[in-house]
Amino acid sequence: MRLDKWLFYSRVFNTRAKSSEACSSGNILVNKIKKYNSSYNVSISDIITLSKDQKVNIVKILKLPKNRISPKDVDLTYKKIK
């Protein structure tokens, strides 16, 4: 699944455009490697580090959703490490 799509589907960003912009600006790291392209394919158990609103969040992917999930299912999609 594409990185920007996963960020949008798992409700990390409100729109896919914002998630794509975060990728292209270099605010996203996948497994400690900076990814500038939003088309990078992520998989289960990847570690995503993102800086958003002056905060650094580290999450582990638990699931690749097929569409945008409901807010109550966020815990099933990723685990917050920090």
C-alpha atoms as a PDB file:
ATOM      1  CA  MET A   1       0.000   0.000   0.000  1.00  0.00           C
ATOM      2  CA  ARG A   2       1.230   3.512  -0.786  1.00  0.00           C
ATOM      3  CA  LEU A   3       2.578   5.525   2.128  1.00  0.00           C
ATOM      4  CA  ASP A   4       0.302   8.536   1.592  1.00  0.00           C
ATOM      5  CA  LYS A   5      -2.733   6.283   1.263  1.00  0.00           C
ATOM      6  CA  TRP A   6      -1.921   4.475   4.511  1.00  0.00           C
ATOM      7  CA  LEU A   7      -1.446   7.771   6.374  1.00  0.00           C
ATOM      8  CA  PHE A   8      -4.851   8.976   5.150  1.00  0.00           C
ATOM      9  CA  TYR A   9      -6.715   5.676   5.644  1.00  0.00           C
ATOM     10  CA  SER A  10      -5.388   5.262   9.181  1.00  0.00           C
ATOM     11  CA  ARG A  11      -6.445   8.833  10.084  1.00  0.00           C
ATOM     12  CA  VAL A  12      -2.981  10.221  10.738  1.00  0.00           C
ATOM     13  CA  PHE A  13      -3.831  13.067   8.311  1.00  0.00           C
ATOM     14  CA  ASN A  14      -7.253  14.526   7.492  1.00  0.00           C
ATOM     15  CA  THR A  15      -6.772  14.532   3.716  1.00  0.00           C
ATOM     16  CA  ARG A  16      -4.696  12.539   1.283  1.00  0.00           C
ATOM     17  CA  ALA A  17      -3.259  15.773  -0.080  1.00  0.00           C
ATOM     18  CA  LYS A  18      -1.868  16.647   3.368  1.00  0.00           C
ATOM     19  CA  SER A  19      -0.365  13.189   3.769  1.00  0.00           C
ATOM     20  CA  SER A  20       1.212  13.439   0.332  1.00  0.00           C
ATOM     21  CA  GLU A  21       2.584  16.900   1.163  1.00  0.00           C
ATOM     22  CA  ALA A  22       4.117  15.590   4.414  1.00  0.00           C
ATOM     23  CA  CYS A  23       5.876  12.854   2.451  1.00  0.00           C
ATOM     24  CA  SER A  24       7.287  15.202  -0.181  1.00  0.00           C
ATOM     25  CA  SER A  25       8.517  17.685   2.437  1.00  0.00           C
ATOM     26  CA  GLY A  26      10.579  14.975   4.150  1.00  0.00           C
ATOM     27  CA  ASN A  27       8.641  14.811   7.419  1.00  0.00           C
ATOM     28  CA  ILE A  28       8.127  11.034   7.168  1.00  0.00           C
ATOM     29  CA  LEU A  29      10.658   8.298   7.896  1.00  0.00           C
ATOM     30  CA  VAL A  30       9.988   4.622   7.206  1.00  0.00           C
ATOM     31  CA  ASN A  31      12.240   2.251   9.151  1.00  0.00           C
ATOM     32  CA  LYS A  32      14.569   5.210   9.955  1.00  0.00           C
ATOM     33  CA  ILE A  33      15.002   6.149   6.278  1.00  0.00           C
ATOM     34  CA  LYS A  34      13.610   9.465   5.012  1.00  0.00           C
ATOM     35  CA  LYS A  35      11.068   8.976   2.226  1.00  0.00           C
ATOM     36  CA  TYR A  36      10.334  11.876  -0.114  1.00  0.00           C
ATOM     37  CA  ASN A  37       7.998  10.000  -2.447  1.00  0.00           C
ATOM     38  CA  SER A  38       4.445   9.341  -1.372  1.00  0.00           C
ATOM     39  CA  SER A  39       4.263   6.279  -3.620  1.00  0.00           C
ATOM     40  CA  TYR A  40       6.612   4.267  -1.395  1.00  0.00           C
ATOM     41  CA  ASN A  41       5.024   0.903  -0.523  1.00  0.00           C
ATOM     42  CA  VAL A  42       4.656   0.210   3.195  1.00  0.00           C
ATOM     43  CA  SER A  43       3.953  -3.163   4.739  1.00  0.00           C
ATOM     44  CA  ILE A  44       2.881  -4.605   8.074  1.00  0.00           C
ATOM     45  CA  SER A  45       5.424  -4.152  10.900  1.00  0.00           C
ATOM     46  CA  ASP A  46       7.080  -1.108   9.272  1.00  0.00           C
ATOM     47  CA  ILE A  47       7.998   1.653  11.731  1.00  0.00           C
ATOM     48  CA  ILE A  48       6.837   5.123  10.662  1.00  0.00           C
ATOM     49  CA  THR A  49       8.313   8.254  12.236  1.00  0.00           C
ATOM     50  CA  LEU A  50       6.495  11.472  11.444  1.00  0.00           C
ATOM     51  CA  SER A  51       6.820  15.026  12.589  1.00  0.00           C
ATOM     52  CA  LYS A  52       3.490  16.796  12.669  1.00  0.00           C
ATOM     53  CA  ASP A  53       2.678  20.097  14.413  1.00  0.00           C
ATOM     54  CA  GLN A  54       6.107  20.301  16.106  1.00  0.00           C
ATOM     55  CA  LYS A  55       5.646  16.799  17.601  1.00  0.00           C
ATOM     56  CA  VAL A  56       7.392  13.573  16.671  1.00  0.00           C
ATOM     57  CA  ASN A  57       5.256  10.435  16.581  1.00  0.00           C
ATOM     58  CA  ILE A  58       6.544   6.901  16.068  1.00  0.00           C
ATOM     59  CA  VAL A  59       4.048   4.207  15.069  1.00  0.00           C
ATOM     60  CA  LYS A  60       4.208   0.567  14.021  1.00  0.00           C
ATOM     61  CA  ILE A  61       1.882  -0.606  11.249  1.00  0.00           C
ATOM     62  CA  LEU A  62      -0.368  -3.459  12.375  1.00  0.00           C
ATOM     63  CA  LYS A  63      -2.828  -3.531   9.487  1.00  0.00           C
ATOM     64  CA  LEU A  64      -3.224  -2.226   5.933  1.00  0.00           C
ATOM     65  CA  PRO A  65      -6.834  -1.005   5.676  1.00  0.00           C
ATOM     66  CA  LYS A  66      -8.717  -1.247   2.372  1.00  0.00           C
ATOM     67  CA  ASN A  67     -10.485   2.096   2.954  1.00  0.00           C
ATOM     68  CA  ARG A  68     -10.578   4.918   5.521  1.00  0.00           C
ATOM     69  CA  ILE A  69     -11.190   3.463   8.970  1.00  0.00           C
ATOM     70  CA  SER A  70     -13.476   4.743  11.699  1.00  0.00           C
ATOM     71  CA  PRO A  71     -11.830   6.610  14.601  1.00  0.00           C
ATOM     72  CA  LYS A  72     -12.580   3.788  17.041  1.00  0.00           C
ATOM     73  CA  ASP A  73     -10.555   1.309  14.928  1.00  0.00           C
ATOM     74  CA  VAL A  74      -7.323   3.319  14.987  1.00  0.00           C
ATOM     75  CA  ASP A  75      -5.810   1.049  17.657  1.00  0.00           C
ATOM     76  CA  LEU A  76      -6.234  -1.954  15.359  1.00  0.00           C
ATOM     77  CA  THR A  77      -4.376  -0.270  12.496  1.00  0.00           C
ATOM     78  CA  TYR A  78      -1.237   0.998  14.217  1.00  0.00           C
ATOM     79  CA  LYS A  79       0.476   0.928  17.601  1.00  0.00           C
ATOM     80  CA  LYS A  80       1.870   4.176  18.962  1.00  0.00           C
ATOM     81  CA  ILE A  81       5.424   3.662  20.149  1.00  0.00           C
ATOM     82  CA  LYS A  82       6.168   7.260  21.087  1.00  0.00           C
END
